Amino acid sequence: MNITTEKINDFSVIKIDGRIDTSNFSELEEEVDQLFNNGVMNIIFNCSGLNYISSSGLRVFLIAQKKTILLQGRLYLCNMQPAIKEIFAISGFSNIFRICNTVEEALVQ
């Protein structure tokens, strides 16, 4: 997995490439925790390069969503590949998260 973060307007955009599974989910968790510790309240997960996510990865997204709600921030997922979108639908996570087609769409929400 490769993670890059950039600041766009008042959002931190986290781009994820590769797989999130039990062997590496903690890397993403640490990146998200660091953002929250630095005062970030608005996050966009750009999932364009995400090709697999395990339950450990879903947990990282869920914890980030809960923290964002507590901080009264905003969290969006975008650019999800069909297989990842299906995992979110089957798990019921599609009802929990705001999912956009593109980063640009998330920025104007």
PDB file of N, CA and C in Angstrom:
ATOM      1  N   MET A   1       0.849  -1.179   0.000  1.00  0.00           N
ATOM      2  CA  MET A   1       0.000   0.000   0.000  1.00  0.00           C
ATOM      3  C   MET A   1       0.891   1.238   0.000  1.00  0.00           C
ATOM      4  N   ASN A   2       0.457   2.232  -0.742  1.00  0.00           N
ATOM      5  CA  ASN A   2       1.140   3.513  -0.782  1.00  0.00           C
ATOM      6  C   ASN A   2       0.129   4.585  -0.388  1.00  0.00           C
ATOM      7  N   ILE A   3       0.526   5.464   0.533  1.00  0.00           N
ATOM      8  CA  ILE A   3      -0.355   6.523   1.019  1.00  0.00           C
ATOM      9  C   ILE A   3       0.316   7.863   0.766  1.00  0.00           C
ATOM     10  N   THR A   4      -0.417   8.773   0.128  1.00  0.00           N
ATOM     11  CA  THR A   4       0.059  10.146  -0.019  1.00  0.00           C
ATOM     12  C   THR A   4      -1.036  11.078   0.475  1.00  0.00           C
ATOM     13  N   THR A   5      -0.614  12.163   1.090  1.00  0.00           N
ATOM     14  CA  THR A   5      -1.571  13.130   1.629  1.00  0.00           C
ATOM     15  C   THR A   5      -1.243  14.511   1.089  1.00  0.00           C
ATOM     16  N   GLU A   6      -2.277  15.212   0.659  1.00  0.00           N
ATOM     17  CA  GLU A   6      -2.109  16.592   0.217  1.00  0.00           C
ATOM     18  C   GLU A   6      -3.235  17.441   0.777  1.00  0.00           C
ATOM     19  N   LYS A   7      -2.940  18.713   0.934  1.00  0.00           N
ATOM     20  CA  LYS A   7      -3.929  19.662   1.445  1.00  0.00           C
ATOM     21  C   LYS A   7      -4.574  20.363   0.261  1.00  0.00           C
ATOM     22  N   ILE A   8      -5.911  20.314   0.185  1.00  0.00           N
ATOM     23  CA  ILE A   8      -6.660  21.044  -0.826  1.00  0.00           C
ATOM     24  C   ILE A   8      -7.769  21.805  -0.102  1.00  0.00           C
ATOM     25  N   ASN A   9      -7.683  23.117  -0.171  1.00  0.00           N
ATOM     26  CA  ASN A   9      -8.619  23.983   0.561  1.00  0.00           C
ATOM     27  C   ASN A   9      -8.583  23.605   2.037  1.00  0.00           C
ATOM     28  N   ASP A  10      -9.731  23.332   2.645  1.00  0.00           N
ATOM     29  CA  ASP A  10      -9.726  22.967   4.064  1.00  0.00           C
ATOM     30  C   ASP A  10      -9.813  21.447   4.275  1.00  0.00           C
ATOM     31  N   PHE A  11      -9.415  20.680   3.273  1.00  0.00           N
ATOM     32  CA  PHE A  11      -9.422  19.222   3.353  1.00  0.00           C
ATOM     33  C   PHE A  11      -8.013  18.657   3.269  1.00  0.00           C
ATOM     34  N   SER A  12      -7.786  17.576   3.972  1.00  0.00           N
ATOM     35  CA  SER A  12      -6.613  16.741   3.740  1.00  0.00           C
ATOM     36  C   SER A  12      -7.092  15.582   2.886  1.00  0.00           C
ATOM     37  N   VAL A  13      -6.468  15.411   1.730  1.00  0.00           N
ATOM     38  CA  VAL A  13      -6.852  14.351   0.796  1.00  0.00           C
ATOM     39  C   VAL A  13      -5.827  13.229   0.916  1.00  0.00           C
ATOM     40  N   ILE A  14      -6.306  12.067   1.338  1.00  0.00           N
ATOM     41  CA  ILE A  14      -5.457  10.894   1.498  1.00  0.00           C
ATOM     42  C   ILE A  14      -5.692   9.985   0.300  1.00  0.00           C
ATOM     43  N   LYS A  15      -4.652   9.806  -0.513  1.00  0.00           N
ATOM     44  CA  LYS A  15      -4.748   8.914  -1.674  1.00  0.00           C
ATOM     45  C   LYS A  15      -4.145   7.568  -1.299  1.00  0.00           C
ATOM     46  N   ILE A  16      -4.925   6.523  -1.532  1.00  0.00           N
ATOM     47  CA  ILE A  16      -4.515   5.172  -1.176  1.00  0.00           C
ATOM     48  C   ILE A  16      -4.343   4.360  -2.454  1.00  0.00           C
ATOM     49  N   ASP A  17      -3.166   3.755  -2.600  1.00  0.00           N
ATOM     50  CA  ASP A  17      -2.903   2.870  -3.731  1.00  0.00           C
ATOM     51  C   ASP A  17      -2.553   1.489  -3.202  1.00  0.00           C
ATOM     52  N   GLY A  18      -3.172   0.466  -3.789  1.00  0.00           N
ATOM     53  CA  GLY A  18      -2.867  -0.910  -3.398  1.00  0.00           C
ATOM     54  C   GLY A  18      -3.932  -1.513  -2.511  1.00  0.00           C
ATOM     55  N   ARG A  19      -3.478  -2.329  -1.576  1.00  0.00           N
ATOM     56  CA  ARG A  19      -4.365  -3.096  -0.709  1.00  0.00           C
ATOM     57  C   ARG A  19      -4.298  -2.580   0.729  1.00  0.00           C
ATOM     58  N   ILE A  20      -5.442  -2.626   1.410  1.00  0.00           N
ATOM     59  CA  ILE A  20      -5.456  -2.416   2.856  1.00  0.00           C
ATOM     60  C   ILE A  20      -5.895  -3.745   3.465  1.00  0.00           C
ATOM     61  N   ASP A  21      -4.994  -4.358   4.225  1.00  0.00           N
ATOM     62  CA  ASP A  21      -5.321  -5.641   4.856  1.00  0.00           C
ATOM     63  C   ASP A  21      -4.690  -5.706   6.242  1.00  0.00           C
ATOM     64  N   THR A  22      -4.720  -6.880   6.856  1.00  0.00           N
ATOM     65  CA  THR A  22      -4.228  -7.015   8.227  1.00  0.00           C
ATOM     66  C   THR A  22      -2.726  -6.753   8.350  1.00  0.00           C
ATOM     67  N   SER A  23      -2.000  -6.864   7.251  1.00  0.00           N
ATOM     68  CA  SER A  23      -0.552  -6.663   7.326  1.00  0.00           C
ATOM     69  C   SER A  23      -0.151  -5.196   7.285  1.00  0.00           C
ATOM     70  N   ASN A  24      -1.050  -4.298   6.842  1.00  0.00           N
ATOM     71  CA  ASN A  24      -0.630  -2.902   6.679  1.00  0.00           C
ATOM     72  C   ASN A  24      -1.657  -1.850   7.106  1.00  0.00           C
ATOM     73  N   PHE A  25      -2.802  -2.251   7.625  1.00  0.00           N
ATOM     74  CA  PHE A  25      -3.838  -1.271   7.975  1.00  0.00           C
ATOM     75  C   PHE A  25      -3.338  -0.245   8.979  1.00  0.00           C
ATOM     76  N   SER A  26      -2.380  -0.648   9.829  1.00  0.00           N
ATOM     77  CA  SER A  26      -1.884   0.261  10.865  1.00  0.00           C
ATOM     78  C   SER A  26      -1.174   1.475  10.263  1.00  0.00           C
ATOM     79  N   GLU A  27      -0.599   1.338   9.071  1.00  0.00           N
ATOM     80  CA  GLU A  27       0.033   2.480   8.399  1.00  0.00           C
ATOM     81  C   GLU A  27      -1.001   3.565   8.104  1.00  0.00           C
ATOM     82  N   LEU A  28      -2.152   3.148   7.588  1.00  0.00           N
ATOM     83  CA  LEU A  28      -3.226   4.100   7.293  1.00  0.00           C
ATOM     84  C   LEU A  28      -3.782   4.680   8.590  1.00  0.00           C
ATOM     85  N   GLU A  29      -3.942   3.822   9.584  1.00  0.00           N
ATOM     86  CA  GLU A  29      -4.453   4.263  10.880  1.00  0.00           C
ATOM     87  C   GLU A  29      -3.539   5.342  11.478  1.00  0.00           C
ATOM     88  N   GLU A  30      -2.228   5.136  11.390  1.00  0.00           N
ATOM     89  CA  GLU A  30      -1.268   6.108  11.921  1.00  0.00           C
ATOM     90  C   GLU A  30      -1.329   7.423  11.147  1.00  0.00           C
ATOM     91  N   GLU A  31      -1.469   7.340   9.834  1.00  0.00           N
ATOM     92  CA  GLU A  31      -1.568   8.551   9.009  1.00  0.00           C
ATOM     93  C   GLU A  31      -2.803   9.368   9.394  1.00  0.00           C
ATOM     94  N   VAL A  32      -3.935   8.691   9.550  1.00  0.00           N
ATOM     95  CA  VAL A  32      -5.180   9.367   9.917  1.00  0.00           C
ATOM     96  C   VAL A  32      -5.073   9.955  11.321  1.00  0.00           C
ATOM     97  N   ASP A  33      -4.523   9.188  12.261  1.00  0.00           N
ATOM     98  CA  ASP A  33      -4.356   9.685  13.632  1.00  0.00           C
ATOM     99  C   ASP A  33      -3.478  10.928  13.665  1.00  0.00           C
ATOM    100  N   GLN A  34      -2.412  10.922  12.873  1.00  0.00           N
ATOM    101  CA  GLN A  34      -1.511  12.073  12.816  1.00  0.00           C
ATOM    102  C   GLN A  34      -2.248  13.316  12.315  1.00  0.00           C
ATOM    103  N   LEU A  35      -3.108  13.135  11.313  1.00  0.00           N
ATOM    104  CA  LEU A  35      -3.887  14.270  10.806  1.00  0.00           C
ATOM    105  C   LEU A  35      -4.793  14.832  11.901  1.00  0.00           C
ATOM    106  N   PHE A  36      -5.504  13.946  12.590  1.00  0.00           N
ATOM    107  CA  PHE A  36      -6.382  14.413  13.670  1.00  0.00           C
ATOM    108  C   PHE A  36      -5.577  15.103  14.770  1.00  0.00           C
ATOM    109  N   ASN A  37      -4.421  14.541  15.112  1.00  0.00           N
ATOM    110  CA  ASN A  37      -3.567  15.139  16.149  1.00  0.00           C
ATOM    111  C   ASN A  37      -3.042  16.511  15.735  1.00  0.00           C
ATOM    112  N   ASN A  38      -2.958  16.757  14.428  1.00  0.00           N
ATOM    113  CA  ASN A  38      -2.513  18.052  13.913  1.00  0.00           C
ATOM    114  C   ASN A  38      -3.667  19.017  13.664  1.00  0.00           C
ATOM    115  N   GLY A  39      -4.862  18.658  14.115  1.00  0.00           N
ATOM    116  CA  GLY A  39      -5.995  19.572  14.035  1.00  0.00           C
ATOM    117  C   GLY A  39      -6.837  19.476  12.782  1.00  0.00           C
ATOM    118  N   VAL A  40      -6.573  18.481  11.945  1.00  0.00           N
ATOM    119  CA  VAL A  40      -7.377  18.298  10.737  1.00  0.00           C
ATOM    120  C   VAL A  40      -8.772  17.811  11.118  1.00  0.00           C
ATOM    121  N   MET A  41      -9.789  18.417  10.514  1.00  0.00           N
ATOM    122  CA  MET A  41     -11.174  18.020  10.781  1.00  0.00           C
ATOM    123  C   MET A  41     -11.878  17.494   9.533  1.00  0.00           C
ATOM    124  N   ASN A  42     -11.336  17.792   8.351  1.00  0.00           N
ATOM    125  CA  ASN A  42     -11.981  17.436   7.092  1.00  0.00           C
ATOM    126  C   ASN A  42     -11.044  16.558   6.263  1.00  0.00           C
ATOM    127  N   ILE A  43     -11.539  15.367   5.923  1.00  0.00           N
ATOM    128  CA  ILE A  43     -10.717  14.393   5.212  1.00  0.00           C
ATOM    129  C   ILE A  43     -11.467  13.855   3.998  1.00  0.00           C
ATOM    130  N   ILE A  44     -10.725  13.703   2.913  1.00  0.00           N
ATOM    131  CA  ILE A  44     -11.228  12.998   1.733  1.00  0.00           C
ATOM    132  C   ILE A  44     -10.302  11.816   1.498  1.00  0.00           C
ATOM    133  N   PHE A  45     -10.866  10.626   1.440  1.00  0.00           N
ATOM    134  CA  PHE A  45     -10.109   9.439   1.063  1.00  0.00           C
ATOM    135  C   PHE A  45     -10.282   9.245  -0.443  1.00  0.00           C
ATOM    136  N   ASN A  46      -9.201   9.429  -1.188  1.00  0.00           N
ATOM    137  CA  ASN A  46      -9.212   9.185  -2.626  1.00  0.00           C
ATOM    138  C   ASN A  46      -8.853   7.719  -2.830  1.00  0.00           C
ATOM    139  N   CYS A  47      -9.840   6.911  -3.187  1.00  0.00           N
ATOM    140  CA  CYS A  47      -9.677   5.465  -3.281  1.00  0.00           C
ATOM    141  C   CYS A  47      -9.443   4.978  -4.710  1.00  0.00           C
ATOM    142  N   SER A  48      -8.987   5.881  -5.591  1.00  0.00           N
ATOM    143  CA  SER A  48      -8.835   5.506  -7.000  1.00  0.00           C
ATOM    144  C   SER A  48      -7.873   4.341  -7.200  1.00  0.00           C
ATOM    145  N   GLY A  49      -6.851   4.232  -6.363  1.00  0.00           N
ATOM    146  CA  GLY A  49      -5.879   3.152  -6.508  1.00  0.00           C
ATOM    147  C   GLY A  49      -6.080   2.010  -5.545  1.00  0.00           C
ATOM    148  N   LEU A  50      -7.139   2.085  -4.731  1.00  0.00           N
ATOM    149  CA  LEU A  50      -7.426   1.028  -3.762  1.00  0.00           C
ATOM    150  C   LEU A  50      -8.064  -0.149  -4.486  1.00  0.00           C
ATOM    151  N   ASN A  51      -7.406  -1.318  -4.433  1.00  0.00           N
ATOM    152  CA  ASN A  51      -7.951  -2.469  -5.147  1.00  0.00           C
ATOM    153  C   ASN A  51      -8.380  -3.623  -4.248  1.00  0.00           C
ATOM    154  N   TYR A  52      -8.161  -3.483  -2.923  1.00  0.00           N
ATOM    155  CA  TYR A  52      -8.636  -4.502  -1.970  1.00  0.00           C
ATOM    156  C   TYR A  52      -8.711  -3.868  -0.592  1.00  0.00           C
ATOM    157  N   ILE A  53      -9.743  -4.227   0.159  1.00  0.00           N
ATOM    158  CA  ILE A  53      -9.853  -3.765   1.543  1.00  0.00           C
ATOM    159  C   ILE A  53     -10.420  -4.888   2.399  1.00  0.00           C
ATOM    160  N   SER A  54      -9.744  -5.158   3.508  1.00  0.00           N
ATOM    161  CA  SER A  54     -10.215  -6.184   4.442  1.00  0.00           C
ATOM    162  C   SER A  54     -11.038  -5.511   5.537  1.00  0.00           C
ATOM    163  N   SER A  55     -11.535  -6.303   6.455  1.00  0.00           N
ATOM    164  CA  SER A  55     -12.302  -5.752   7.569  1.00  0.00           C
ATOM    165  C   SER A  55     -11.443  -4.820   8.421  1.00  0.00           C
ATOM    166  N   SER A  56     -10.150  -5.078   8.491  1.00  0.00           N
ATOM    167  CA  SER A  56      -9.240  -4.187   9.230  1.00  0.00           C
ATOM    168  C   SER A  56      -9.206  -2.806   8.588  1.00  0.00           C
ATOM    169  N   GLY A  57      -9.210  -2.771   7.274  1.00  0.00           N
ATOM    170  CA  GLY A  57      -9.235  -1.504   6.560  1.00  0.00           C
ATOM    171  C   GLY A  57     -10.548  -0.772   6.739  1.00  0.00           C
ATOM    172  N   LEU A  58     -11.636  -1.524   6.686  1.00  0.00           N
ATOM    173  CA  LEU A  58     -12.953  -0.912   6.899  1.00  0.00           C
ATOM    174  C   LEU A  58     -13.027  -0.285   8.283  1.00  0.00           C
ATOM    175  N   ARG A  59     -12.410  -0.949   9.261  1.00  0.00           N
ATOM    176  CA  ARG A  59     -12.393  -0.439  10.635  1.00  0.00           C
ATOM    177  C   ARG A  59     -11.694   0.919  10.705  1.00  0.00           C
ATOM    178  N   VAL A  60     -10.595   1.090   9.959  1.00  0.00           N
ATOM    179  CA  VAL A  60      -9.879   2.371   9.950  1.00  0.00           C
ATOM    180  C   VAL A  60     -10.794   3.484   9.432  1.00  0.00           C
ATOM    181  N   PHE A  61     -11.522   3.210   8.356  1.00  0.00           N
ATOM    182  CA  PHE A  61     -12.458   4.196   7.820  1.00  0.00           C
ATOM    183  C   PHE A  61     -13.555   4.525   8.838  1.00  0.00           C
ATOM    184  N   LEU A  62     -14.063   3.494   9.504  1.00  0.00           N
ATOM    185  CA  LEU A  62     -15.144   3.694  10.469  1.00  0.00           C
ATOM    186  C   LEU A  62     -14.679   4.544  11.654  1.00  0.00           C
ATOM    187  N   ILE A  63     -13.497   4.266  12.169  1.00  0.00           N
ATOM    188  CA  ILE A  63     -12.960   5.056  13.280  1.00  0.00           C
ATOM    189  C   ILE A  63     -12.739   6.502  12.842  1.00  0.00           C
ATOM    190  N   ALA A  64     -12.231   6.696  11.634  1.00  0.00           N
ATOM    191  CA  ALA A  64     -12.029   8.056  11.115  1.00  0.00           C
ATOM    192  C   ALA A  64     -13.364   8.789  11.013  1.00  0.00           C
ATOM    193  N   GLN A  65     -14.400   8.086  10.566  1.00  0.00           N
ATOM    194  CA  GLN A  65     -15.732   8.700  10.453  1.00  0.00           C
ATOM    195  C   GLN A  65     -16.236   9.128  11.835  1.00  0.00           C
ATOM    196  N   LYS A  66     -16.068   8.275  12.817  1.00  0.00           N
ATOM    197  CA  LYS A  66     -16.535   8.605  14.174  1.00  0.00           C
ATOM    198  C   LYS A  66     -15.796   9.820  14.726  1.00  0.00           C
ATOM    199  N   LYS A  67     -14.479   9.876  14.522  1.00  0.00           N
ATOM    200  CA  LYS A  67     -13.703  11.019  15.005  1.00  0.00           C
ATOM    201  C   LYS A  67     -14.116  12.298  14.289  1.00  0.00           C
ATOM    202  N   THR A  68     -14.362  12.191  12.996  1.00  0.00           N
ATOM    203  CA  THR A  68     -14.775  13.363  12.221  1.00  0.00           C
ATOM    204  C   THR A  68     -16.104  13.906  12.738  1.00  0.00           C
ATOM    205  N   ILE A  69     -17.032  13.014  13.037  1.00  0.00           N
ATOM    206  CA  ILE A  69     -18.336  13.435  13.566  1.00  0.00           C
ATOM    207  C   ILE A  69     -18.157  14.134  14.909  1.00  0.00           C
ATOM    208  N   LEU A  70     -17.316  13.561  15.785  1.00  0.00           N
ATOM    209  CA  LEU A  70     -17.058  14.181  17.091  1.00  0.00           C
ATOM    210  C   LEU A  70     -16.468  15.585  16.955  1.00  0.00           C
ATOM    211  N   LEU A  71     -15.623  15.769  15.935  1.00  0.00           N
ATOM    212  CA  LEU A  71     -14.978  17.065  15.708  1.00  0.00           C
ATOM    213  C   LEU A  71     -15.840  18.012  14.883  1.00  0.00           C
ATOM    214  N   GLN A  72     -17.017  17.531  14.473  1.00  0.00           N
ATOM    215  CA  GLN A  72     -17.927  18.284  13.609  1.00  0.00           C
ATOM    216  C   GLN A  72     -17.249  18.644  12.290  1.00  0.00           C
ATOM    217  N   GLY A  73     -16.461  17.691  11.787  1.00  0.00           N
ATOM    218  CA  GLY A  73     -15.786  17.861  10.509  1.00  0.00           C
ATOM    219  C   GLY A  73     -16.541  17.144   9.407  1.00  0.00           C
ATOM    220  N   ARG A  74     -15.858  16.974   8.285  1.00  0.00           N
ATOM    221  CA  ARG A  74     -16.461  16.291   7.142  1.00  0.00           C
ATOM    222  C   ARG A  74     -15.506  15.218   6.635  1.00  0.00           C
ATOM    223  N   LEU A  75     -16.058  14.080   6.238  1.00  0.00           N
ATOM    224  CA  LEU A  75     -15.273  12.986   5.688  1.00  0.00           C
ATOM    225  C   LEU A  75     -15.991  12.432   4.470  1.00  0.00           C
ATOM    226  N   TYR A  76     -15.245  12.299   3.374  1.00  0.00           N
ATOM    227  CA  TYR A  76     -15.795  11.772   2.133  1.00  0.00           C
ATOM    228  C   TYR A  76     -14.879  10.683   1.590  1.00  0.00           C
ATOM    229  N   LEU A  77     -15.471   9.732   0.907  1.00  0.00           N
ATOM    230  CA  LEU A  77     -14.740   8.728   0.145  1.00  0.00           C
ATOM    231  C   LEU A  77     -15.035   8.998  -1.320  1.00  0.00           C
ATOM    232  N   CYS A  78     -14.031   8.853  -2.175  1.00  0.00           N
ATOM    233  CA  CYS A  78     -14.291   9.102  -3.590  1.00  0.00           C
ATOM    234  C   CYS A  78     -13.429   8.207  -4.471  1.00  0.00           C
ATOM    235  N   ASN A  79     -13.785   8.207  -5.763  1.00  0.00           N
ATOM    236  CA  ASN A  79     -13.067   7.450  -6.790  1.00  0.00           C
ATOM    237  C   ASN A  79     -12.967   5.958  -6.468  1.00  0.00           C
ATOM    238  N   MET A  80     -14.040   5.393  -5.948  1.00  0.00           N
ATOM    239  CA  MET A  80     -14.016   3.978  -5.571  1.00  0.00           C
ATOM    240  C   MET A  80     -14.196   3.086  -6.800  1.00  0.00           C
ATOM    241  N   GLN A  81     -13.335   2.092  -6.916  1.00  0.00           N
ATOM    242  CA  GLN A  81     -13.476   1.103  -7.978  1.00  0.00           C
ATOM    243  C   GLN A  81     -14.726   0.262  -7.698  1.00  0.00           C
ATOM    244  N   PRO A  82     -15.339  -0.313  -8.733  1.00  0.00           N
ATOM    245  CA  PRO A  82     -16.588  -1.069  -8.549  1.00  0.00           C
ATOM    246  C   PRO A  82     -16.501  -2.167  -7.478  1.00  0.00           C
ATOM    247  N   ALA A  83     -15.401  -2.899  -7.418  1.00  0.00           N
ATOM    248  CA  ALA A  83     -15.280  -3.977  -6.429  1.00  0.00           C
ATOM    249  C   ALA A  83     -15.261  -3.425  -5.002  1.00  0.00           C
ATOM    250  N   ILE A  84     -14.608  -2.287  -4.804  1.00  0.00           N
ATOM    251  CA  ILE A  84     -14.550  -1.666  -3.474  1.00  0.00           C
ATOM    252  C   ILE A  84     -15.918  -1.100  -3.116  1.00  0.00           C
ATOM    253  N   LYS A  85     -16.573  -0.485  -4.090  1.00  0.00           N
ATOM    254  CA  LYS A  85     -17.924   0.046  -3.873  1.00  0.00           C
ATOM    255  C   LYS A  85     -18.883  -1.069  -3.455  1.00  0.00           C
ATOM    256  N   GLU A  86     -18.718  -2.229  -4.065  1.00  0.00           N
ATOM    257  CA  GLU A  86     -19.563  -3.378  -3.741  1.00  0.00           C
ATOM    258  C   GLU A  86     -19.319  -3.848  -2.308  1.00  0.00           C
ATOM    259  N   ILE A  87     -18.064  -3.857  -1.866  1.00  0.00           N
ATOM    260  CA  ILE A  87     -17.759  -4.247  -0.482  1.00  0.00           C
ATOM    261  C   ILE A  87     -18.441  -3.289   0.489  1.00  0.00           C
ATOM    262  N   PHE A  88     -18.398  -2.003   0.184  1.00  0.00           N
ATOM    263  CA  PHE A  88     -19.052  -1.018   1.045  1.00  0.00           C
ATOM    264  C   PHE A  88     -20.571  -1.215   1.045  1.00  0.00           C
ATOM    265  N   ALA A  89     -21.137  -1.554  -0.094  1.00  0.00           N
ATOM    266  CA  ALA A  89     -22.583  -1.782  -0.177  1.00  0.00           C
ATOM    267  C   ALA A  89     -22.983  -3.030   0.617  1.00  0.00           C
ATOM    268  N   ILE A  90     -22.253  -4.120   0.427  1.00  0.00           N
ATOM    269  CA  ILE A  90     -22.576  -5.377   1.106  1.00  0.00           C
ATOM    270  C   ILE A  90     -22.446  -5.241   2.624  1.00  0.00           C
ATOM    271  N   SER A  91     -21.428  -4.503   3.064  1.00  0.00           N
ATOM    272  CA  SER A  91     -21.189  -4.346   4.502  1.00  0.00           C
ATOM    273  C   SER A  91     -22.131  -3.323   5.140  1.00  0.00           C
ATOM    274  N   GLY A  92     -22.871  -2.596   4.332  1.00  0.00           N
ATOM    275  CA  GLY A  92     -23.749  -1.555   4.850  1.00  0.00           C
ATOM    276  C   GLY A  92     -23.038  -0.228   5.068  1.00  0.00           C
ATOM    277  N   PHE A  93     -21.745  -0.168   4.749  1.00  0.00           N
ATOM    278  CA  PHE A  93     -20.974   1.047   4.963  1.00  0.00           C
ATOM    279  C   PHE A  93     -21.363   2.154   3.988  1.00  0.00           C
ATOM    280  N   SER A  94     -22.007   1.813   2.889  1.00  0.00           N
ATOM    281  CA  SER A  94     -22.453   2.841   1.941  1.00  0.00           C
ATOM    282  C   SER A  94     -23.447   3.791   2.596  1.00  0.00           C
ATOM    283  N   ASN A  95     -24.155   3.300   3.605  1.00  0.00           N
ATOM    284  CA  ASN A  95     -25.135   4.133   4.311  1.00  0.00           C
ATOM    285  C   ASN A  95     -24.485   4.991   5.390  1.00  0.00           C
ATOM    286  N   ILE A  96     -23.257   4.665   5.764  1.00  0.00           N
ATOM    287  CA  ILE A  96     -22.563   5.369   6.838  1.00  0.00           C
ATOM    288  C   ILE A  96     -21.712   6.516   6.299  1.00  0.00           C
ATOM    289  N   PHE A  97     -21.145   6.310   5.112  1.00  0.00           N
ATOM    290  CA  PHE A  97     -20.202   7.267   4.546  1.00  0.00           C
ATOM    291  C   PHE A  97     -20.815   8.076   3.419  1.00  0.00           C
ATOM    292  N   ARG A  98     -20.280   9.271   3.240  1.00  0.00           N
ATOM    293  CA  ARG A  98     -20.617  10.077   2.072  1.00  0.00           C
ATOM    294  C   ARG A  98     -19.638   9.679   0.979  1.00  0.00           C
ATOM    295  N   ILE A  99     -20.165   9.118  -0.098  1.00  0.00           N
ATOM    296  CA  ILE A  99     -19.335   8.631  -1.191  1.00  0.00           C
ATOM    297  C   ILE A  99     -19.569   9.509  -2.417  1.00  0.00           C
ATOM    298  N   CYS A 100     -18.486  10.070  -2.941  1.00  0.00           N
ATOM    299  CA  CYS A 100     -18.551  10.941  -4.117  1.00  0.00           C
ATOM    300  C   CYS A 100     -17.822  10.271  -5.275  1.00  0.00           C
ATOM    301  N   ASN A 101     -18.126  10.723  -6.473  1.00  0.00           N
ATOM    302  CA  ASN A 101     -17.460  10.168  -7.654  1.00  0.00           C
ATOM    303  C   ASN A 101     -16.026  10.658  -7.805  1.00  0.00           C
ATOM    304  N   THR A 102     -15.768  11.922  -7.445  1.00  0.00           N
ATOM    305  CA  THR A 102     -14.443  12.502  -7.634  1.00  0.00           C
ATOM    306  C   THR A 102     -14.052  13.347  -6.419  1.00  0.00           C
ATOM    307  N   VAL A 103     -12.776  13.666  -6.336  1.00  0.00           N
ATOM    308  CA  VAL A 103     -12.294  14.579  -5.281  1.00  0.00           C
ATOM    309  C   VAL A 103     -12.960  15.940  -5.457  1.00  0.00           C
ATOM    310  N   GLU A 104     -13.061  16.394  -6.689  1.00  0.00           N
ATOM    311  CA  GLU A 104     -13.662  17.702  -6.970  1.00  0.00           C
ATOM    312  C   GLU A 104     -15.106  17.769  -6.470  1.00  0.00           C
ATOM    313  N   GLU A 105     -15.844  16.693  -6.662  1.00  0.00           N
ATOM    314  CA  GLU A 105     -17.224  16.644  -6.178  1.00  0.00           C
ATOM    315  C   GLU A 105     -17.263  16.728  -4.656  1.00  0.00           C
ATOM    316  N   ALA A 106     -16.343  16.045  -3.992  1.00  0.00           N
ATOM    317  CA  ALA A 106     -16.302  16.079  -2.526  1.00  0.00           C
ATOM    318  C   ALA A 106     -15.951  17.473  -2.014  1.00  0.00           C
ATOM    319  N   LEU A 107     -15.082  18.166  -2.713  1.00  0.00           N
ATOM    320  CA  LEU A 107     -14.655  19.493  -2.282  1.00  0.00           C
ATOM    321  C   LEU A 107     -15.774  20.519  -2.274  1.00  0.00           C
ATOM    322  N   VAL A 108     -16.797  20.325  -3.108  1.00  0.00           N
ATOM    323  CA  VAL A 108     -17.880  21.304  -3.186  1.00  0.00           C
ATOM    324  C   VAL A 108     -19.125  20.887  -2.384  1.00  0.00           C
ATOM    325  N   GLN A 109     -19.031  19.836  -1.656  1.00  0.00           N
ATOM    326  CA  GLN A 109     -20.179  19.373  -0.848  1.00  0.00           C
ATOM    327  C   GLN A 109     -20.423  20.293   0.315  1.00  0.00           C
TER     328      GLN A 109
END
